Amino acid sequence: MTVTIGRRELLAALGGAAAAWPLAARAQQPKMPRLGFVGIQPRDAPIYTNFLRRMAELGYQEGRNFTFDYIQTPNVEGYERHYRTLAARKVDMFLAVGNEPALRAAIAAAGGKPIAFLAIDFDPQAKGYVASLARPGGNVTGLFVRQIELAAKRVEIVREAFPRATALGIVFDTTTREQRDAAAEAAGKFGLEPRMIEVRGEEDYAGAFAAMDDARGQPVIVPAGAIFLRDRSAIAQALLERRIPSIAAFRENLQAGALISYGYDLMGLFYDIASYVNQIARGAKPSDMPIEQSPRFYMAVNLKTAALLGVSLSDVFIARANEVIE
């Protein structure tokens, strides 16, 4: 039997299908990923801007198809409370950056939701957060920086830059004690007297560096840590006032007035972690995503600071730098 459909009925049928299609298409689209992150730096810090720039390159426009739910905390004690706040806001995934307390707080709040991390000053495998770097297991994965090895390497750079140095100031806070210990051990091997300089925040820097007053001209090491990045200008000012040459972990400290920086390119690390967020947003499981170790080493020299301090660095040493501020 042949059924004849009139022109009016055909148009009505097509119109109904066209109206239904957008609804079906929208139902198949993944929902807007909502990323929760607690950090110590200001919301407009260049490292976060670089992260969002990479996310945009990957197709995520903040406020349109991606939400970056950020809470700033003044100290590590705030991580736990603020990650719980993000969990209550029903974020889809978490970002944890820098120190162990940040990752620990994110895991406690996540309830099994995926976490991308940037482990800057601790070993996630040694601390038991992942089964292995190749297959993390669980709900966490990300980038890992071997900062303990770098802390010892900075002492080697001190010995090269200051062959006549007899003492070395080692700055640290509660999150960078392992870097302190590694630097102190290396200092002993290079014949340098390690002087421990503990700091607790911006108001403490001038007083803390008084520990070097009887060792004028001797260098200090500034570790990789969130407050040392956030307070880099205050730290540099306090060191320059006492005419103390410093070797810092972050390039940003050098731009603020440190003499030398050696470590990982922090801007690059935040650029790279965006790829993990992208993969998780598209359905990848953290348990199956290998943890990578960034190849982005960076060394820089600030000749302006050298001139202010009356420090002379060899041409060979300067030539090794990725960046020279003159």
Protein backbone atom coordinates (compact mmCIF):
# COMPACT_ATOMS: atom_id res chain seq x y z
CA MET A 1 0.00 0.00 0.00
CA THR A 2 1.31 3.41 -0.98
CA VAL A 3 0.87 6.32 1.41
CA THR A 4 0.82 9.78 -0.14
CA ILE A 5 1.99 12.72 2.00
CA GLY A 6 0.83 16.13 0.97
CA ARG A 7 3.11 19.16 0.71
CA ARG A 8 1.68 20.71 3.90
CA GLU A 9 2.17 17.51 5.91
CA LEU A 10 5.75 17.12 4.59
CA LEU A 11 6.73 20.66 5.61
CA ALA A 12 5.20 20.15 9.05
CA ALA A 13 7.16 16.92 9.53
CA LEU A 14 10.42 18.53 8.44
CA GLY A 15 9.80 21.54 10.65
CA GLY A 16 9.24 19.32 13.67
CA ALA A 17 12.47 17.43 13.02
CA ALA A 18 14.41 20.68 12.62
CA ALA A 19 13.04 21.96 15.91
CA ALA A 20 13.97 18.74 17.70
CA TRP A 21 17.52 18.54 16.27
CA PRO A 22 19.09 21.41 18.30
CA LEU A 23 17.71 19.87 21.50
CA ALA A 24 19.25 16.51 20.68
CA ALA A 25 22.55 18.12 19.67
CA ARG A 26 22.70 20.11 22.88
CA ALA A 27 22.00 16.97 24.89
CA GLN A 28 25.05 15.29 23.32
CA GLN A 29 27.41 18.22 24.02
CA PRO A 30 29.67 17.82 27.11
CA LYS A 31 28.73 20.21 29.88
CA MET A 32 30.90 23.23 30.54
CA PRO A 33 33.88 22.00 32.59
CA ARG A 34 34.26 23.77 35.91
CA LEU A 35 37.80 23.78 37.32
CA GLY A 36 38.38 24.52 41.00
CA PHE A 37 41.74 25.87 42.16
CA VAL A 38 43.12 27.32 45.39
CA GLY A 39 46.36 29.30 45.18
CA ILE A 40 48.46 31.82 47.06
CA GLN A 41 49.15 34.15 44.11
CA PRO A 42 46.76 36.95 43.05
CA ARG A 43 44.06 35.96 40.55
CA ASP A 44 45.69 38.07 37.83
CA ALA A 45 49.20 36.65 38.34
CA PRO A 46 51.02 36.11 35.00
CA ILE A 47 51.37 32.36 35.64
CA TYR A 48 47.58 32.00 35.86
CA THR A 49 47.11 34.20 32.81
CA ASN A 50 49.46 31.92 30.89
CA PHE A 51 47.44 28.89 31.99
CA LEU A 52 44.22 30.48 30.75
CA ARG A 53 45.93 31.48 27.50
CA ARG A 54 46.82 27.86 26.85
CA MET A 55 43.29 26.78 27.75
CA ALA A 56 41.99 29.26 25.18
CA GLU A 57 44.35 27.78 22.58
CA LEU A 58 42.84 24.39 23.37
CA GLY A 59 39.35 25.76 22.75
CA TYR A 60 38.24 26.80 26.24
CA GLN A 61 36.99 30.35 26.60
CA GLU A 62 36.55 31.31 30.24
CA GLY A 63 32.94 32.23 30.93
CA ARG A 64 31.69 30.72 27.66
CA ASN A 65 32.54 27.02 27.70
CA PHE A 66 34.87 26.81 30.71
CA THR A 67 34.81 28.06 34.31
CA PHE A 68 37.96 28.80 36.29
CA ASP A 69 36.74 28.90 39.89
CA TYR A 70 39.69 30.38 41.79
CA ILE A 71 40.05 31.14 45.51
CA GLN A 72 43.13 32.92 46.82
CA THR A 73 44.46 31.93 50.23
CA PRO A 74 47.05 33.96 52.21
CA ASN A 75 48.78 30.84 53.52
CA VAL A 76 48.90 27.04 53.32
CA GLU A 77 46.55 26.73 56.29
CA GLY A 78 43.73 27.97 54.06
CA TYR A 79 43.96 25.19 51.48
CA GLU A 80 41.76 22.72 53.34
CA ARG A 81 38.89 25.14 53.96
CA HIS A 82 38.91 26.64 50.47
CA TYR A 83 39.06 23.30 48.64
CA ARG A 84 36.04 22.22 50.67
CA THR A 85 34.29 25.40 49.48
CA LEU A 86 35.06 24.47 45.88
CA ALA A 87 33.73 20.97 46.44
CA ALA A 88 30.48 22.47 47.77
CA ARG A 89 30.24 24.50 44.56
CA LYS A 90 30.18 21.21 42.61
CA VAL A 91 33.26 21.79 40.46
CA ASP A 92 34.00 19.00 37.99
CA MET A 93 37.75 18.76 38.60
CA PHE A 94 40.46 20.30 40.73
CA LEU A 95 43.86 21.83 40.15
CA ALA A 96 46.50 21.62 42.91
CA VAL A 97 49.78 23.45 42.48
CA GLY A 98 53.06 23.79 44.33
CA ASN A 99 53.29 22.10 47.69
CA GLU A 100 52.09 18.93 49.37
CA PRO A 101 49.45 20.62 51.58
CA ALA A 102 47.67 21.86 48.44
CA LEU A 103 47.40 18.36 46.94
CA ARG A 104 46.50 16.78 50.27
CA ALA A 105 43.66 19.28 50.77
CA ALA A 106 42.40 18.81 47.20
CA ILE A 107 42.31 15.02 47.58
CA ALA A 108 40.44 15.28 50.89
CA ALA A 109 37.79 17.53 49.34
CA ALA A 110 37.49 16.01 45.86
CA GLY A 111 35.52 12.90 46.81
CA GLY A 112 37.11 10.96 43.97
CA LYS A 113 36.73 13.69 41.34
CA PRO A 114 39.77 14.14 39.07
CA ILE A 115 42.72 16.27 40.13
CA ALA A 116 45.48 17.68 37.94
CA PHE A 117 48.54 18.67 39.95
CA LEU A 118 51.76 20.54 39.47
CA ALA A 119 54.11 19.13 42.12
CA ILE A 120 56.78 21.80 42.39
CA ASP A 121 58.40 21.08 45.74
CA PHE A 122 57.59 17.46 46.63
CA ASP A 123 57.75 13.98 45.09
CA PRO A 124 54.18 12.65 44.64
CA GLN A 125 55.33 9.04 44.28
CA ALA A 126 57.67 9.10 47.29
CA LYS A 127 54.87 10.66 49.34
CA GLY A 128 52.44 7.92 48.31
CA TYR A 129 49.94 9.98 46.33
CA VAL A 130 50.42 7.90 43.16
CA ALA A 131 51.35 4.27 42.54
CA SER A 132 53.92 5.15 39.89
CA LEU A 133 54.75 7.92 37.45
CA ALA A 134 53.79 5.74 34.48
CA ARG A 135 50.44 4.64 35.89
CA PRO A 136 49.36 6.89 38.76
CA GLY A 137 46.19 5.02 39.69
CA GLY A 138 43.49 6.80 41.65
CA ASN A 139 42.16 10.21 40.66
CA VAL A 140 45.34 12.34 40.45
CA THR A 141 47.94 13.02 37.77
CA GLY A 142 50.01 15.90 36.45
CA LEU A 143 53.52 17.31 36.25
CA PHE A 144 56.38 16.64 38.64
CA VAL A 145 59.46 18.79 39.30
CA ARG A 146 62.45 17.18 41.04
CA GLN A 147 62.97 20.19 43.25
CA ILE A 148 65.09 18.43 45.88
CA GLU A 149 67.76 17.71 43.27
CA LEU A 150 67.55 21.30 42.08
CA ALA A 151 68.09 22.61 45.62
CA ALA A 152 71.43 20.79 45.69
CA LYS A 153 72.26 22.00 42.19
CA ARG A 154 71.79 25.62 43.28
CA VAL A 155 74.51 25.12 45.87
CA GLU A 156 76.81 23.95 43.10
CA ILE A 157 75.99 27.14 41.20
CA VAL A 158 76.79 29.16 44.32
CA ARG A 159 80.21 27.55 44.53
CA GLU A 160 80.84 28.31 40.85
CA ALA A 161 79.66 31.93 41.05
CA PHE A 162 81.30 32.62 44.44
CA PRO A 163 84.46 30.50 44.62
CA ARG A 164 85.64 32.36 47.75
CA ALA A 165 82.38 32.03 49.69
CA THR A 166 82.64 30.42 53.12
CA ALA A 167 79.00 30.54 54.25
CA LEU A 168 75.63 30.03 52.59
CA GLY A 169 72.29 31.30 53.85
CA ILE A 170 69.48 28.79 53.20
CA VAL A 171 66.03 30.38 53.28
CA PHE A 172 63.02 28.16 53.97
CA ASP A 173 59.48 28.01 55.32
CA THR A 174 57.20 25.20 56.47
CA THR A 175 56.67 23.85 52.94
CA THR A 176 60.31 23.90 51.78
CA ARG A 177 62.10 22.03 54.55
CA GLU A 178 63.13 19.20 52.24
CA GLN A 179 64.78 21.73 49.92
CA ARG A 180 66.50 23.20 52.99
CA ASP A 181 67.88 19.82 54.02
CA ALA A 182 69.13 19.00 50.51
CA ALA A 183 70.83 22.39 50.20
CA ALA A 184 72.43 22.06 53.65
CA GLU A 185 73.85 18.63 52.79
CA ALA A 186 75.26 19.95 49.50
CA ALA A 187 76.71 23.01 51.24
CA GLY A 188 78.73 20.76 53.55
CA LYS A 189 80.13 18.87 50.58
CA PHE A 190 81.28 22.13 49.00
CA GLY A 191 82.86 23.43 52.19
CA LEU A 192 80.21 26.05 52.89
CA GLU A 193 78.81 26.76 56.34
CA PRO A 194 75.01 26.42 56.05
CA ARG A 195 73.01 29.09 57.86
CA MET A 196 69.32 28.30 58.21
CA ILE A 197 67.01 31.28 57.70
CA GLU A 198 63.38 30.48 58.45
CA VAL A 199 60.75 32.98 57.32
CA ARG A 200 57.03 33.17 58.09
CA GLY A 201 55.80 35.91 55.81
CA GLU A 202 56.46 39.33 54.37
CA GLU A 203 56.70 41.12 57.71
CA ASP A 204 59.52 38.77 58.78
CA TYR A 205 61.99 39.11 55.89
CA ALA A 206 64.09 42.04 57.08
CA GLY A 207 64.58 40.51 60.49
CA ALA A 208 65.24 37.02 59.15
CA PHE A 209 68.05 38.15 56.86
CA ALA A 210 69.83 39.75 59.82
CA ALA A 211 71.24 36.25 60.33
CA MET A 212 73.74 37.14 57.60
CA ASP A 213 74.89 40.44 59.12
CA ASP A 214 78.15 38.96 60.37
CA ALA A 215 78.79 37.32 57.00
CA ARG A 216 78.70 40.32 54.68
CA GLY A 217 78.71 39.50 50.99
CA GLN A 218 78.00 35.80 51.51
CA PRO A 219 75.20 34.44 49.26
CA VAL A 220 71.80 33.03 50.17
CA ILE A 221 69.51 30.57 48.39
CA VAL A 222 65.79 31.32 48.01
CA PRO A 223 63.80 28.08 47.42
CA ALA A 224 60.84 27.20 45.23
CA GLY A 225 57.81 28.01 47.35
CA ALA A 226 54.55 29.90 46.98
CA ILE A 227 55.29 32.71 49.42
CA PHE A 228 58.74 33.26 47.90
CA LEU A 229 57.07 33.85 44.56
CA ARG A 230 54.26 36.01 45.93
CA ASP A 231 56.56 38.14 48.11
CA ARG A 232 59.45 38.28 45.64
CA SER A 233 59.64 42.09 45.59
CA ALA A 234 59.79 42.36 49.39
CA ILE A 235 62.38 39.59 49.55
CA ALA A 236 64.56 41.18 46.90
CA GLN A 237 64.35 44.57 48.61
CA ALA A 238 65.30 43.14 52.01
CA LEU A 239 68.28 41.30 50.49
CA LEU A 240 69.50 44.30 48.51
CA GLU A 241 69.29 46.55 51.55
CA ARG A 242 71.73 44.21 53.27
CA ARG A 243 73.76 43.80 50.06
CA ILE A 244 73.21 40.02 50.03
CA PRO A 245 73.53 38.23 46.67
CA SER A 246 70.79 35.64 46.16
CA ILE A 247 70.24 32.56 44.01
CA ALA A 248 66.52 31.88 43.59
CA ALA A 249 64.46 29.05 42.18
CA PHE A 250 62.14 31.22 40.08
CA ARG A 251 62.90 33.55 37.19
CA GLU A 252 60.29 35.90 38.64
CA ASN A 253 62.50 36.41 41.72
CA LEU A 254 65.36 37.38 39.44
CA GLN A 255 63.18 39.96 37.69
CA ALA A 256 62.38 41.39 41.13
CA GLY A 257 66.07 41.80 41.99
CA ALA A 258 67.68 38.42 42.79
CA LEU A 259 71.15 37.95 41.30
CA ILE A 260 70.73 34.48 39.76
CA SER A 261 67.82 32.12 39.17
CA TYR A 262 68.05 28.43 38.39
CA GLY A 263 65.14 26.04 38.16
CA TYR A 264 62.10 25.31 36.09
CA ASP A 265 60.31 27.83 33.90
CA LEU A 266 57.19 28.42 36.00
CA MET A 267 55.31 30.13 33.17
CA GLY A 268 55.96 27.10 31.00
CA LEU A 269 54.79 24.70 33.70
CA PHE A 270 51.43 26.45 33.97
CA TYR A 271 51.18 26.39 30.18
CA ASP A 272 51.84 22.65 30.14
CA ILE A 273 49.44 21.66 32.93
CA ALA A 274 46.56 22.95 30.80
CA SER A 275 46.92 19.88 28.55
CA TYR A 276 46.10 17.63 31.52
CA VAL A 277 43.01 19.68 32.32
CA ASN A 278 41.98 19.45 28.67
CA GLN A 279 42.37 15.67 28.54
CA ILE A 280 40.43 15.17 31.76
CA ALA A 281 37.66 17.47 30.52
CA ARG A 282 37.40 15.27 27.43
CA GLY A 283 36.98 12.12 29.49
CA ALA A 284 40.51 10.82 30.14
CA LYS A 285 41.04 9.06 33.47
CA PRO A 286 43.85 10.40 35.66
CA SER A 287 44.72 6.86 36.69
CA ASP A 288 45.80 6.12 33.11
CA MET A 289 47.61 9.40 32.39
CA PRO A 290 51.40 9.21 32.97
CA ILE A 291 52.95 11.86 35.19
CA GLU A 292 55.47 13.86 33.18
CA GLN A 293 58.64 15.58 34.33
CA SER A 294 59.04 18.95 32.68
CA PRO A 295 62.16 19.61 30.56
CA ARG A 296 61.80 23.38 30.98
CA PHE A 297 65.01 24.25 32.87
CA TYR A 298 65.79 27.94 33.09
CA MET A 299 68.84 29.88 34.26
CA ALA A 300 69.08 33.67 34.30
CA VAL A 301 71.44 36.36 35.55
CA ASN A 302 70.62 39.92 36.64
CA LEU A 303 73.61 42.10 35.84
CA LYS A 304 71.83 45.17 37.21
CA THR A 305 71.78 43.52 40.62
CA ALA A 306 75.40 42.41 40.18
CA ALA A 307 76.39 46.05 39.58
CA LEU A 308 74.43 47.23 42.64
CA LEU A 309 76.15 44.63 44.82
CA GLY A 310 79.58 45.03 43.26
CA VAL A 311 79.60 41.35 42.26
CA SER A 312 81.66 40.18 39.30
CA LEU A 313 80.51 37.06 37.45
CA SER A 314 82.64 35.30 34.84
CA ASP A 315 81.79 35.61 31.16
CA VAL A 316 81.57 31.82 30.93
CA PHE A 317 79.02 31.73 33.75
CA ILE A 318 76.92 34.48 32.17
CA ALA A 319 77.02 32.80 28.75
CA ARG A 320 75.25 29.76 30.19
CA ALA A 321 72.16 31.78 31.11
CA ASN A 322 68.93 31.63 29.11
CA GLU A 323 68.32 35.27 29.99
CA VAL A 324 70.56 38.14 31.05
CA ILE A 325 69.09 41.32 32.52
CA GLU A 326 71.50 44.20 31.86
